[in-house]
């Protein structure tokens, strides 16, 4: 394929990219929201995971401290607030269609019952 350089997929490269506050990538914004609201860290600690075991909850939460100066011990407070404010798994909503299925990778962040979408239309 010619002189194509290797892809730098190192942790330090990721930190460098996420530290760039002028970048147009939405990944920094998503990661900030994960640190301050969701706590939905994408890890690979299970032995069945085919990716790097270096993606741990510890490595992900350390990024919150490193990038945004959010202490790790404050993360649960942010997540608990979001769940209480929006109702967690039991939101009191009306006229909302939760559109995802059992193959969605975001299923854990939504309402889902068996093989059907959850519809709240009052």
PDB file of N, CA and C in Angstrom:
ATOM      1  N   UNK A   1       0.794  -1.188   0.000  1.00  0.00           N
ATOM      2  CA  UNK A   1       0.000   0.000   0.000  1.00  0.00           C
ATOM      3  C   UNK A   1       0.840   1.256   0.000  1.00  0.00           C
ATOM      4  N   UNK A   2       2.080   1.124  -0.220  1.00  0.00           N
ATOM      5  CA  UNK A   2       2.946   2.297  -0.262  1.00  0.00           C
ATOM      6  C   UNK A   2       3.481   2.672   1.104  1.00  0.00           C
ATOM      7  N   UNK A   3       3.788   3.934   1.253  1.00  0.00           N
ATOM      8  CA  UNK A   3       4.357   4.437   2.501  1.00  0.00           C
ATOM      9  C   UNK A   3       3.289   5.043   3.413  1.00  0.00           C
ATOM     10  N   UNK A   4       2.306   4.269   3.763  1.00  0.00           N
ATOM     11  CA  UNK A   4       1.261   4.741   4.655  1.00  0.00           C
ATOM     12  C   UNK A   4       1.740   4.544   6.092  1.00  0.00           C
ATOM     13  N   UNK A   5       1.747   5.626   6.884  1.00  0.00           N
ATOM     14  CA  UNK A   5       2.220   5.494   8.262  1.00  0.00           C
ATOM     15  C   UNK A   5       1.237   4.694   9.112  1.00  0.00           C
ATOM     16  N   UNK A   6       1.752   4.122  10.177  1.00  0.00           N
ATOM     17  CA  UNK A   6       0.902   3.393  11.113  1.00  0.00           C
ATOM     18  C   UNK A   6      -0.031   4.360  11.835  1.00  0.00           C
ATOM     19  N   UNK A   7      -1.165   3.886  12.206  1.00  0.00           N
ATOM     20  CA  UNK A   7      -2.138   4.680  12.939  1.00  0.00           C
ATOM     21  C   UNK A   7      -1.724   4.741  14.405  1.00  0.00           C
ATOM     22  N   UNK A   8      -1.645   5.936  14.953  1.00  0.00           N
ATOM     23  CA  UNK A   8      -1.301   6.106  16.360  1.00  0.00           C
ATOM     24  C   UNK A   8      -2.589   6.011  17.168  1.00  0.00           C
ATOM     25  N   UNK A   9      -2.777   4.879  17.816  1.00  0.00           N
ATOM     26  CA  UNK A   9      -3.967   4.664  18.634  1.00  0.00           C
ATOM     27  C   UNK A   9      -3.600   4.604  20.109  1.00  0.00           C
ATOM     28  N   UNK A  10      -2.567   5.324  20.484  1.00  0.00           N
ATOM     29  CA  UNK A  10      -2.086   5.291  21.866  1.00  0.00           C
ATOM     30  C   UNK A  10      -2.996   6.098  22.800  1.00  0.00           C
ATOM     31  N   UNK A  11      -2.880   5.811  24.068  1.00  0.00           N
ATOM     32  CA  UNK A  11      -3.634   6.532  25.086  1.00  0.00           C
ATOM     33  C   UNK A  11      -3.233   8.011  25.103  1.00  0.00           C
ATOM     34  N   UNK A  12      -1.960   8.261  24.978  1.00  0.00           N
ATOM     35  CA  UNK A  12      -1.480   9.650  24.983  1.00  0.00           C
ATOM     36  C   UNK A  12      -2.010  10.433  23.788  1.00  0.00           C
ATOM     37  N   UNK A  13      -2.137   9.794  22.648  1.00  0.00           N
ATOM     38  CA  UNK A  13      -2.711  10.453  21.466  1.00  0.00           C
ATOM     39  C   UNK A  13      -4.173  10.820  21.734  1.00  0.00           C
ATOM     40  N   UNK A  14      -4.909   9.905  22.364  1.00  0.00           N
ATOM     41  CA  UNK A  14      -6.297  10.171  22.716  1.00  0.00           C
ATOM     42  C   UNK A  14      -6.392  11.353  23.675  1.00  0.00           C
ATOM     43  N   UNK A  15      -5.544  11.374  24.693  1.00  0.00           N
ATOM     44  CA  UNK A  15      -5.536  12.473  25.665  1.00  0.00           C
ATOM     45  C   UNK A  15      -5.217  13.791  24.964  1.00  0.00           C
ATOM     46  N   UNK A  16      -4.259  13.764  24.063  1.00  0.00           N
ATOM     47  CA  UNK A  16      -3.893  14.964  23.313  1.00  0.00           C
ATOM     48  C   UNK A  16      -5.072  15.477  22.489  1.00  0.00           C
ATOM     49  N   UNK A  17      -5.768  14.566  21.807  1.00  0.00           N
ATOM     50  CA  UNK A  17      -6.923  14.962  20.996  1.00  0.00           C
ATOM     51  C   UNK A  17      -8.059  15.494  21.869  1.00  0.00           C
ATOM     52  N   UNK A  18      -8.306  14.846  22.985  1.00  0.00           N
ATOM     53  CA  UNK A  18      -9.385  15.285  23.872  1.00  0.00           C
ATOM     54  C   UNK A  18      -9.039  16.577  24.611  1.00  0.00           C
ATOM     55  N   UNK A  19      -7.771  16.903  24.706  1.00  0.00           N
ATOM     56  CA  UNK A  19      -7.337  18.132  25.371  1.00  0.00           C
ATOM     57  C   UNK A  19      -7.489  19.353  24.479  1.00  0.00           C
ATOM     58  N   UNK A  20      -7.656  19.134  23.197  1.00  0.00           N
ATOM     59  CA  UNK A  20      -7.789  20.220  22.234  1.00  0.00           C
ATOM     60  C   UNK A  20      -9.175  20.851  22.359  1.00  0.00           C
ATOM     61  N   UNK A  21      -9.245  22.022  22.967  1.00  0.00           N
ATOM     62  CA  UNK A  21     -10.535  22.679  23.190  1.00  0.00           C
ATOM     63  C   UNK A  21     -11.054  23.422  21.960  1.00  0.00           C
ATOM     64  N   UNK A  22     -10.246  23.509  20.911  1.00  0.00           N
ATOM     65  CA  UNK A  22     -10.693  24.183  19.698  1.00  0.00           C
ATOM     66  C   UNK A  22     -11.086  23.208  18.596  1.00  0.00           C
ATOM     67  N   UNK A  23     -10.965  21.930  18.864  1.00  0.00           N
ATOM     68  CA  UNK A  23     -11.285  20.922  17.848  1.00  0.00           C
ATOM     69  C   UNK A  23     -12.777  20.920  17.540  1.00  0.00           C
ATOM     70  N   UNK A  24     -13.117  20.532  16.347  1.00  0.00           N
ATOM     71  CA  UNK A  24     -14.517  20.484  15.942  1.00  0.00           C
ATOM     72  C   UNK A  24     -15.145  19.127  16.223  1.00  0.00           C
ATOM     73  N   UNK A  25     -14.381  18.185  16.710  1.00  0.00           N
ATOM     74  CA  UNK A  25     -14.894  16.855  17.009  1.00  0.00           C
ATOM     75  C   UNK A  25     -15.873  16.912  18.181  1.00  0.00           C
ATOM     76  N   UNK A  26     -16.943  16.147  18.085  1.00  0.00           N
ATOM     77  CA  UNK A  26     -17.916  16.117  19.172  1.00  0.00           C
ATOM     78  C   UNK A  26     -17.531  15.110  20.252  1.00  0.00           C
ATOM     79  N   UNK A  27     -16.445  14.359  20.021  1.00  0.00           N
ATOM     80  CA  UNK A  27     -16.060  13.339  21.003  1.00  0.00           C
ATOM     81  C   UNK A  27     -15.678  13.966  22.334  1.00  0.00           C
ATOM     82  N   UNK A  28     -15.013  15.107  22.353  1.00  0.00           N
ATOM     83  CA  UNK A  28     -14.666  15.778  23.607  1.00  0.00           C
ATOM     84  C   UNK A  28     -15.942  16.181  24.348  1.00  0.00           C
ATOM     85  N   UNK A  29     -16.919  16.687  23.622  1.00  0.00           N
ATOM     86  CA  UNK A  29     -18.181  17.085  24.233  1.00  0.00           C
ATOM     87  C   UNK A  29     -18.909  15.882  24.824  1.00  0.00           C
ATOM     88  N   UNK A  30     -18.928  14.794  24.054  1.00  0.00           N
ATOM     89  CA  UNK A  30     -19.573  13.568  24.547  1.00  0.00           C
ATOM     90  C   UNK A  30     -18.864  13.078  25.801  1.00  0.00           C
ATOM     91  N   UNK A  31     -17.559  13.114  25.813  1.00  0.00           N
ATOM     92  CA  UNK A  31     -16.828  12.626  26.974  1.00  0.00           C
ATOM     93  C   UNK A  31     -17.083  13.525  28.185  1.00  0.00           C
ATOM     94  N   UNK A  32     -17.172  14.820  27.973  1.00  0.00           N
ATOM     95  CA  UNK A  32     -17.491  15.745  29.074  1.00  0.00           C
ATOM     96  C   UNK A  32     -18.870  15.424  29.644  1.00  0.00           C
ATOM     97  N   UNK A  33     -19.829  15.176  28.765  1.00  0.00           N
ATOM     98  CA  UNK A  33     -21.176  14.848  29.211  1.00  0.00           C
ATOM     99  C   UNK A  33     -21.191  13.516  29.957  1.00  0.00           C
ATOM    100  N   UNK A  34     -20.369  12.587  29.530  1.00  0.00           N
ATOM    101  CA  UNK A  34     -20.256  11.318  30.242  1.00  0.00           C
ATOM    102  C   UNK A  34     -19.715  11.548  31.649  1.00  0.00           C
ATOM    103  N   UNK A  35     -18.734  12.431  31.784  1.00  0.00           N
ATOM    104  CA  UNK A  35     -18.134  12.715  33.095  1.00  0.00           C
ATOM    105  C   UNK A  35     -19.077  13.492  34.006  1.00  0.00           C
ATOM    106  N   UNK A  36     -19.908  14.348  33.439  1.00  0.00           N
ATOM    107  CA  UNK A  36     -20.726  15.236  34.265  1.00  0.00           C
ATOM    108  C   UNK A  36     -22.184  14.820  34.403  1.00  0.00           C
ATOM    109  N   UNK A  37     -22.645  13.871  33.570  1.00  0.00           N
ATOM    110  CA  UNK A  37     -24.059  13.508  33.637  1.00  0.00           C
ATOM    111  C   UNK A  37     -24.339  12.016  33.567  1.00  0.00           C
ATOM    112  N   UNK A  38     -23.775  11.333  32.581  1.00  0.00           N
ATOM    113  CA  UNK A  38     -24.203   9.968  32.291  1.00  0.00           C
ATOM    114  C   UNK A  38     -23.442   8.875  33.039  1.00  0.00           C
ATOM    115  N   UNK A  39     -22.127   9.006  33.085  1.00  0.00           N
ATOM    116  CA  UNK A  39     -21.325   7.926  33.650  1.00  0.00           C
ATOM    117  C   UNK A  39     -21.323   6.697  32.754  1.00  0.00           C
ATOM    118  N   UNK A  40     -21.590   6.873  31.478  1.00  0.00           N
ATOM    119  CA  UNK A  40     -21.639   5.736  30.541  1.00  0.00           C
ATOM    120  C   UNK A  40     -20.268   5.556  29.902  1.00  0.00           C
ATOM    121  N   UNK A  41     -19.375   4.942  30.645  1.00  0.00           N
ATOM    122  CA  UNK A  41     -18.010   4.739  30.176  1.00  0.00           C
ATOM    123  C   UNK A  41     -17.958   3.444  29.377  1.00  0.00           C
ATOM    124  N   UNK A  42     -17.340   3.505  28.230  1.00  0.00           N
ATOM    125  CA  UNK A  42     -17.242   2.331  27.375  1.00  0.00           C
ATOM    126  C   UNK A  42     -15.936   1.615  27.699  1.00  0.00           C
ATOM    127  N   UNK A  43     -16.083   0.502  28.389  1.00  0.00           N
ATOM    128  CA  UNK A  43     -14.922  -0.250  28.864  1.00  0.00           C
ATOM    129  C   UNK A  43     -14.872  -1.620  28.219  1.00  0.00           C
ATOM    130  N   UNK A  44     -13.806  -2.326  28.529  1.00  0.00           N
ATOM    131  CA  UNK A  44     -13.615  -3.662  27.959  1.00  0.00           C
ATOM    132  C   UNK A  44     -12.913  -4.537  28.997  1.00  0.00           C
ATOM    133  N   UNK A  45     -13.510  -4.688  30.138  1.00  0.00           N
ATOM    134  CA  UNK A  45     -12.894  -5.443  31.227  1.00  0.00           C
ATOM    135  C   UNK A  45     -13.318  -6.904  31.246  1.00  0.00           C
ATOM    136  N   UNK A  46     -14.387  -7.232  30.590  1.00  0.00           N
ATOM    137  CA  UNK A  46     -14.898  -8.596  30.556  1.00  0.00           C
ATOM    138  C   UNK A  46     -14.002  -9.477  29.692  1.00  0.00           C
ATOM    139  N   UNK A  47     -13.789 -10.706  30.084  1.00  0.00           N
ATOM    140  CA  UNK A  47     -12.900 -11.607  29.327  1.00  0.00           C
ATOM    141  C   UNK A  47     -13.435 -11.919  27.929  1.00  0.00           C
ATOM    142  N   UNK A  48     -14.736 -11.723  27.700  1.00  0.00           N
ATOM    143  CA  UNK A  48     -15.285 -11.992  26.367  1.00  0.00           C
ATOM    144  C   UNK A  48     -15.113 -10.806  25.427  1.00  0.00           C
ATOM    145  N   UNK A  49     -14.651  -9.681  25.932  1.00  0.00           N
ATOM    146  CA  UNK A  49     -14.477  -8.494  25.103  1.00  0.00           C
ATOM    147  C   UNK A  49     -13.295  -8.687  24.145  1.00  0.00           C
ATOM    148  N   UNK A  50     -13.508  -8.448  22.855  1.00  0.00           N
ATOM    149  CA  UNK A  50     -12.439  -8.683  21.883  1.00  0.00           C
ATOM    150  C   UNK A  50     -11.428  -7.530  21.765  1.00  0.00           C
ATOM    151  N   UNK A  51     -11.614  -6.462  22.529  1.00  0.00           N
ATOM    152  CA  UNK A  51     -10.738  -5.301  22.413  1.00  0.00           C
ATOM    153  C   UNK A  51      -9.772  -5.220  23.585  1.00  0.00           C
ATOM    154  N   UNK A  52      -9.033  -4.165  23.660  1.00  0.00           N
ATOM    155  CA  UNK A  52      -8.005  -3.995  24.684  1.00  0.00           C
ATOM    156  C   UNK A  52      -8.584  -3.989  26.090  1.00  0.00           C
ATOM    157  N   UNK A  53      -7.988  -4.761  26.980  1.00  0.00           N
ATOM    158  CA  UNK A  53      -8.404  -4.787  28.386  1.00  0.00           C
ATOM    159  C   UNK A  53      -7.912  -3.544  29.129  1.00  0.00           C
ATOM    160  N   UNK A  54      -7.222  -2.650  28.420  1.00  0.00           N
ATOM    161  CA  UNK A  54      -6.741  -1.419  29.038  1.00  0.00           C
ATOM    162  C   UNK A  54      -7.855  -0.382  29.167  1.00  0.00           C
ATOM    163  N   UNK A  55      -8.988  -0.618  28.517  1.00  0.00           N
ATOM    164  CA  UNK A  55     -10.142   0.276  28.635  1.00  0.00           C
ATOM    165  C   UNK A  55     -10.943  -0.120  29.863  1.00  0.00           C
ATOM    166  N   UNK A  56     -10.519   0.367  31.011  1.00  0.00           N
ATOM    167  CA  UNK A  56     -11.162   0.026  32.275  1.00  0.00           C
ATOM    168  C   UNK A  56     -11.952   1.228  32.793  1.00  0.00           C
ATOM    169  N   UNK A  57     -12.805   0.972  33.764  1.00  0.00           N
ATOM    170  CA  UNK A  57     -13.542   2.069  34.374  1.00  0.00           C
ATOM    171  C   UNK A  57     -12.560   3.046  35.023  1.00  0.00           C
ATOM    172  N   UNK A  58     -11.478   2.527  35.588  1.00  0.00           N
ATOM    173  CA  UNK A  58     -10.467   3.375  36.215  1.00  0.00           C
ATOM    174  C   UNK A  58      -9.785   4.279  35.177  1.00  0.00           C
ATOM    175  N   UNK A  59      -9.409   3.708  34.041  1.00  0.00           N
ATOM    176  CA  UNK A  59      -8.733   4.519  33.015  1.00  0.00           C
ATOM    177  C   UNK A  59      -9.660   5.581  32.439  1.00  0.00           C
ATOM    178  N   UNK A  60     -10.944   5.252  32.318  1.00  0.00           N
ATOM    179  CA  UNK A  60     -11.905   6.211  31.769  1.00  0.00           C
ATOM    180  C   UNK A  60     -12.204   7.335  32.751  1.00  0.00           C
ATOM    181  N   UNK A  61     -12.383   7.005  34.026  1.00  0.00           N
ATOM    182  CA  UNK A  61     -12.681   8.048  35.008  1.00  0.00           C
ATOM    183  C   UNK A  61     -11.460   8.914  35.300  1.00  0.00           C
ATOM    184  N   UNK A  62     -10.273   8.367  35.128  1.00  0.00           N
ATOM    185  CA  UNK A  62      -9.059   9.182  35.268  1.00  0.00           C
ATOM    186  C   UNK A  62      -9.021  10.285  34.210  1.00  0.00           C
ATOM    187  N   UNK A  63      -9.574  10.001  33.030  1.00  0.00           N
ATOM    188  CA  UNK A  63      -9.631  11.020  31.985  1.00  0.00           C
ATOM    189  C   UNK A  63     -10.496  12.203  32.405  1.00  0.00           C
ATOM    190  N   UNK A  64     -11.545  11.953  33.177  1.00  0.00           N
ATOM    191  CA  UNK A  64     -12.390  13.055  33.668  1.00  0.00           C
ATOM    192  C   UNK A  64     -11.562  14.005  34.524  1.00  0.00           C
ATOM    193  N   UNK A  65     -10.721  13.438  35.360  1.00  0.00           N
ATOM    194  CA  UNK A  65      -9.852  14.265  36.211  1.00  0.00           C
ATOM    195  C   UNK A  65      -8.811  14.988  35.376  1.00  0.00           C
ATOM    196  N   UNK A  66      -8.205  14.264  34.485  1.00  0.00           N
ATOM    197  CA  UNK A  66      -7.103  14.803  33.686  1.00  0.00           C
ATOM    198  C   UNK A  66      -7.548  15.873  32.703  1.00  0.00           C
ATOM    199  N   UNK A  67      -8.670  15.659  32.055  1.00  0.00           N
ATOM    200  CA  UNK A  67      -9.125  16.571  31.009  1.00  0.00           C
ATOM    201  C   UNK A  67      -9.983  17.721  31.519  1.00  0.00           C
ATOM    202  N   UNK A  68     -10.810  17.444  32.520  1.00  0.00           N
ATOM    203  CA  UNK A  68     -11.803  18.430  32.940  1.00  0.00           C
ATOM    204  C   UNK A  68     -11.681  18.827  34.408  1.00  0.00           C
ATOM    205  N   UNK A  69     -10.676  18.321  35.073  1.00  0.00           N
ATOM    206  CA  UNK A  69     -10.441  18.638  36.485  1.00  0.00           C
ATOM    207  C   UNK A  69     -11.644  18.274  37.356  1.00  0.00           C
ATOM    208  N   UNK A  70     -12.280  17.155  37.030  1.00  0.00           N
ATOM    209  CA  UNK A  70     -13.396  16.644  37.817  1.00  0.00           C
ATOM    210  C   UNK A  70     -12.870  15.483  38.654  1.00  0.00           C
ATOM    211  N   UNK A  71     -12.811  15.634  39.960  1.00  0.00           N
ATOM    212  CA  UNK A  71     -12.285  14.559  40.802  1.00  0.00           C
ATOM    213  C   UNK A  71     -13.115  13.285  40.661  1.00  0.00           C
ATOM    214  N   UNK A  72     -12.442  12.146  40.677  1.00  0.00           N
ATOM    215  CA  UNK A  72     -13.133  10.871  40.504  1.00  0.00           C
ATOM    216  C   UNK A  72     -14.189  10.634  41.575  1.00  0.00           C
ATOM    217  N   UNK A  73     -13.961  11.119  42.782  1.00  0.00           N
ATOM    218  CA  UNK A  73     -14.941  10.879  43.834  1.00  0.00           C
ATOM    219  C   UNK A  73     -16.209  11.718  43.669  1.00  0.00           C
ATOM    220  N   UNK A  74     -16.208  12.682  42.751  1.00  0.00           N
ATOM    221  CA  UNK A  74     -17.390  13.508  42.482  1.00  0.00           C
ATOM    222  C   UNK A  74     -18.256  12.941  41.355  1.00  0.00           C
ATOM    223  N   UNK A  75     -17.727  12.008  40.589  1.00  0.00           N
ATOM    224  CA  UNK A  75     -18.469  11.461  39.448  1.00  0.00           C
ATOM    225  C   UNK A  75     -19.802  10.835  39.857  1.00  0.00           C
ATOM    226  N   UNK A  76     -19.849  10.002  40.902  1.00  0.00           N
ATOM    227  CA  UNK A  76     -21.144   9.422  41.290  1.00  0.00           C
ATOM    228  C   UNK A  76     -22.189  10.477  41.667  1.00  0.00           C
ATOM    229  N   UNK A  77     -21.766  11.591  42.227  1.00  0.00           N
ATOM    230  CA  UNK A  77     -22.696  12.662  42.591  1.00  0.00           C
ATOM    231  C   UNK A  77     -23.352  13.235  41.335  1.00  0.00           C
ATOM    232  N   UNK A  78     -22.557  13.458  40.291  1.00  0.00           N
ATOM    233  CA  UNK A  78     -23.090  13.985  39.024  1.00  0.00           C
ATOM    234  C   UNK A  78     -24.078  12.999  38.401  1.00  0.00           C
ATOM    235  N   UNK A  79     -23.709  11.744  38.386  1.00  0.00           N
ATOM    236  CA  UNK A  79     -24.546  10.709  37.770  1.00  0.00           C
ATOM    237  C   UNK A  79     -25.852  10.549  38.551  1.00  0.00           C
ATOM    238  N   UNK A  80     -25.760  10.515  39.878  1.00  0.00           N
ATOM    239  CA  UNK A  80     -26.964  10.393  40.710  1.00  0.00           C
ATOM    240  C   UNK A  80     -27.904  11.569  40.485  1.00  0.00           C
ATOM    241  N   UNK A  81     -27.349  12.772  40.368  1.00  0.00           N
ATOM    242  CA  UNK A  81     -28.184  13.948  40.128  1.00  0.00           C
ATOM    243  C   UNK A  81     -28.953  13.804  38.813  1.00  0.00           C
ATOM    244  N   UNK A  82     -28.264  13.394  37.759  1.00  0.00           N
ATOM    245  CA  UNK A  82     -28.905  13.230  36.451  1.00  0.00           C
ATOM    246  C   UNK A  82     -30.032  12.205  36.529  1.00  0.00           C
ATOM    247  N   UNK A  83     -29.769  11.068  37.171  1.00  0.00           N
ATOM    248  CA  UNK A  83     -30.791  10.029  37.290  1.00  0.00           C
ATOM    249  C   UNK A  83     -31.992  10.512  38.097  1.00  0.00           C
ATOM    250  N   UNK A  84     -31.749  11.256  39.165  1.00  0.00           N
ATOM    251  CA  UNK A  84     -32.856  11.776  39.966  1.00  0.00           C
ATOM    252  C   UNK A  84     -33.639  12.835  39.187  1.00  0.00           C
ATOM    253  N   UNK A  85     -32.932  13.721  38.524  1.00  0.00           N
ATOM    254  CA  UNK A  85     -33.571  14.811  37.790  1.00  0.00           C
ATOM    255  C   UNK A  85     -34.459  14.302  36.659  1.00  0.00           C
ATOM    256  N   UNK A  86     -33.950  13.311  35.888  1.00  0.00           N
ATOM    257  CA  UNK A  86     -34.686  12.811  34.726  1.00  0.00           C
ATOM    258  C   UNK A  86     -35.481  11.544  35.009  1.00  0.00           C
ATOM    259  N   UNK A  87     -35.377  11.006  36.214  1.00  0.00           N
ATOM    260  CA  UNK A  87     -36.188   9.843  36.559  1.00  0.00           C
ATOM    261  C   UNK A  87     -35.513   8.506  36.357  1.00  0.00           C
ATOM    262  N   UNK A  88     -34.249   8.482  35.980  1.00  0.00           N
ATOM    263  CA  UNK A  88     -33.537   7.212  35.820  1.00  0.00           C
ATOM    264  C   UNK A  88     -34.262   6.265  34.895  1.00  0.00           C
ATOM    265  N   UNK A  89     -34.501   5.026  35.349  1.00  0.00           N
ATOM    266  CA  UNK A  89     -35.193   4.018  34.544  1.00  0.00           C
ATOM    267  C   UNK A  89     -36.710   4.170  34.572  1.00  0.00           C
ATOM    268  N   UNK A  90     -37.206   5.113  35.363  1.00  0.00           N
ATOM    269  CA  UNK A  90     -38.645   5.329  35.480  1.00  0.00           C
ATOM    270  C   UNK A  90     -39.000   6.801  35.258  1.00  0.00           C
ATOM    271  N   UNK A  91     -38.634   7.362  34.101  1.00  0.00           N
ATOM    272  CA  UNK A  91     -38.942   8.777  33.883  1.00  0.00           C
ATOM    273  C   UNK A  91     -40.450   8.997  33.805  1.00  0.00           C
ATOM    274  N   UNK A  92     -40.896  10.102  34.355  1.00  0.00           N
ATOM    275  CA  UNK A  92     -42.311  10.467  34.299  1.00  0.00           C
ATOM    276  C   UNK A  92     -42.514  11.341  33.065  1.00  0.00           C
ATOM    277  N   UNK A  93     -42.615  10.697  31.914  1.00  0.00           N
ATOM    278  CA  UNK A  93     -42.679  11.415  30.648  1.00  0.00           C
ATOM    279  C   UNK A  93     -44.024  11.232  29.978  1.00  0.00           C
ATOM    280  N   UNK A  94     -44.300  12.121  29.073  1.00  0.00           N
ATOM    281  CA  UNK A  94     -45.487  12.029  28.234  1.00  0.00           C
ATOM    282  C   UNK A  94     -45.073  12.365  26.804  1.00  0.00           C
ATOM    283  N   UNK A  95     -45.717  11.724  25.865  1.00  0.00           N
ATOM    284  CA  UNK A  95     -45.490  11.973  24.441  1.00  0.00           C
ATOM    285  C   UNK A  95     -44.027  11.768  24.039  1.00  0.00           C
ATOM    286  N   UNK A  96     -43.463  10.648  24.495  1.00  0.00           N
ATOM    287  CA  UNK A  96     -42.073  10.318  24.181  1.00  0.00           C
ATOM    288  C   UNK A  96     -42.023   8.924  23.574  1.00  0.00           C
ATOM    289  N   UNK A  97     -41.318   8.796  22.493  1.00  0.00           N
ATOM    290  CA  UNK A  97     -41.099   7.510  21.849  1.00  0.00           C
ATOM    291  C   UNK A  97     -39.620   7.174  21.995  1.00  0.00           C
ATOM    292  N   UNK A  98     -39.308   6.102  22.687  1.00  0.00           N
ATOM    293  CA  UNK A  98     -37.924   5.665  22.869  1.00  0.00           C
ATOM    294  C   UNK A  98     -37.607   4.690  21.747  1.00  0.00           C
ATOM    295  N   UNK A  99     -36.875   5.153  20.755  1.00  0.00           N
ATOM    296  CA  UNK A  99     -36.647   4.359  19.556  1.00  0.00           C
ATOM    297  C   UNK A  99     -35.294   3.668  19.573  1.00  0.00           C
ATOM    298  N   UNK A 100     -35.293   2.439  19.960  1.00  0.00           N
ATOM    299  CA  UNK A 100     -34.112   1.591  19.856  1.00  0.00           C
ATOM    300  C   UNK A 100     -34.572   0.153  20.021  1.00  0.00           C
ATOM    301  N   UNK A 101     -33.727  -0.740  19.633  1.00  0.00           N
ATOM    302  CA  UNK A 101     -34.086  -2.144  19.714  1.00  0.00           C
ATOM    303  C   UNK A 101     -33.011  -2.941  20.420  1.00  0.00           C
ATOM    304  N   UNK A 102     -33.180  -4.254  20.415  1.00  0.00           N
ATOM    305  CA  UNK A 102     -32.250  -5.090  21.165  1.00  0.00           C
ATOM    306  C   UNK A 102     -30.860  -5.169  20.526  1.00  0.00           C
ATOM    307  N   UNK A 103     -30.678  -4.620  19.350  1.00  0.00           N
ATOM    308  CA  UNK A 103     -29.360  -4.592  18.716  1.00  0.00           C
ATOM    309  C   UNK A 103     -28.662  -3.243  18.854  1.00  0.00           C
ATOM    310  N   UNK A 104     -29.334  -2.281  19.453  1.00  0.00           N
ATOM    311  CA  UNK A 104     -28.761  -0.951  19.609  1.00  0.00           C
ATOM    312  C   UNK A 104     -27.659  -0.971  20.656  1.00  0.00           C
ATOM    313  N   UNK A 105     -26.527  -0.347  20.350  1.00  0.00           N
ATOM    314  CA  UNK A 105     -25.445  -0.305  21.319  1.00  0.00           C
ATOM    315  C   UNK A 105     -25.729   0.684  22.440  1.00  0.00           C
ATOM    316  N   UNK A 106     -26.744   1.503  22.277  1.00  0.00           N
ATOM    317  CA  UNK A 106     -27.114   2.478  23.305  1.00  0.00           C
ATOM    318  C   UNK A 106     -28.308   2.014  24.126  1.00  0.00           C
ATOM    319  N   UNK A 107     -28.669   0.766  24.006  1.00  0.00           N
ATOM    320  CA  UNK A 107     -29.860   0.245  24.665  1.00  0.00           C
ATOM    321  C   UNK A 107     -29.838   0.455  26.179  1.00  0.00           C
ATOM    322  N   UNK A 108     -28.664   0.408  26.779  1.00  0.00           N
ATOM    323  CA  UNK A 108     -28.579   0.572  28.231  1.00  0.00           C
ATOM    324  C   UNK A 108     -28.871   1.995  28.683  1.00  0.00           C
ATOM    325  N   UNK A 109     -28.872   2.942  27.748  1.00  0.00           N
ATOM    326  CA  UNK A 109     -29.166   4.327  28.089  1.00  0.00           C
ATOM    327  C   UNK A 109     -30.606   4.716  27.768  1.00  0.00           C
ATOM    328  N   UNK A 110     -31.416   3.747  27.422  1.00  0.00           N
ATOM    329  CA  UNK A 110     -32.780   4.044  27.030  1.00  0.00           C
ATOM    330  C   UNK A 110     -33.740   3.132  27.770  1.00  0.00           C
ATOM    331  N   UNK A 111     -35.019   3.317  27.507  1.00  0.00           N
ATOM    332  CA  UNK A 111     -36.035   2.433  28.057  1.00  0.00           C
ATOM    333  C   UNK A 111     -36.330   1.360  27.033  1.00  0.00           C
ATOM    334  N   UNK A 112     -36.337   0.139  27.492  1.00  0.00           N
ATOM    335  CA  UNK A 112     -36.523  -0.982  26.579  1.00  0.00           C
ATOM    336  C   UNK A 112     -37.151  -2.132  27.356  1.00  0.00           C
ATOM    337  N   UNK A 113     -38.176  -2.736  26.794  1.00  0.00           N
ATOM    338  CA  UNK A 113     -38.834  -3.858  27.451  1.00  0.00           C
ATOM    339  C   UNK A 113     -38.926  -5.013  26.463  1.00  0.00           C
ATOM    340  N   UNK A 114     -38.148  -6.038  26.689  1.00  0.00           N
ATOM    341  CA  UNK A 114     -38.190  -7.204  25.819  1.00  0.00           C
ATOM    342  C   UNK A 114     -37.809  -6.889  24.397  1.00  0.00           C
ATOM    343  N   UNK A 115     -38.706  -7.160  23.462  1.00  0.00           N
ATOM    344  CA  UNK A 115     -38.418  -6.936  22.045  1.00  0.00           C
ATOM    345  C   UNK A 115     -39.214  -5.772  21.479  1.00  0.00           C
ATOM    346  N   UNK A 116     -39.781  -4.934  22.342  1.00  0.00           N
ATOM    347  CA  UNK A 116     -40.584  -3.822  21.849  1.00  0.00           C
ATOM    348  C   UNK A 116     -40.026  -2.499  22.322  1.00  0.00           C
ATOM    349  N   UNK A 117     -40.324  -1.466  21.549  1.00  0.00           N
ATOM    350  CA  UNK A 117     -39.965  -0.114  21.960  1.00  0.00           C
ATOM    351  C   UNK A 117     -40.916   0.315  23.064  1.00  0.00           C
ATOM    352  N   UNK A 118     -40.472   1.213  23.885  1.00  0.00           N
ATOM    353  CA  UNK A 118     -41.333   1.760  24.914  1.00  0.00           C
ATOM    354  C   UNK A 118     -41.956   3.046  24.378  1.00  0.00           C
ATOM    355  N   UNK A 119     -43.271   3.123  24.469  1.00  0.00           N
ATOM    356  CA  UNK A 119     -43.982   4.297  24.000  1.00  0.00           C
ATOM    357  C   UNK A 119     -44.792   4.848  25.172  1.00  0.00           C
ATOM    358  N   UNK A 120     -44.577   6.122  25.477  1.00  0.00           N
ATOM    359  CA  UNK A 120     -45.361   6.781  26.506  1.00  0.00           C
ATOM    360  C   UNK A 120     -46.079   7.943  25.828  1.00  0.00           C
ATOM    361  N   UNK A 121     -47.346   7.754  25.593  1.00  0.00           N
ATOM    362  CA  UNK A 121     -48.091   8.773  24.852  1.00  0.00           C
ATOM    363  C   UNK A 121     -49.383   9.078  25.599  1.00  0.00           C
ATOM    364  N   UNK A 122     -49.331   9.989  26.526  1.00  0.00           N
ATOM    365  CA  UNK A 122     -50.520  10.364  27.328  1.00  0.00           C
ATOM    366  C   UNK A 122     -50.968  11.742  26.956  1.00  0.00           C
TER     367      UNK A 122
END
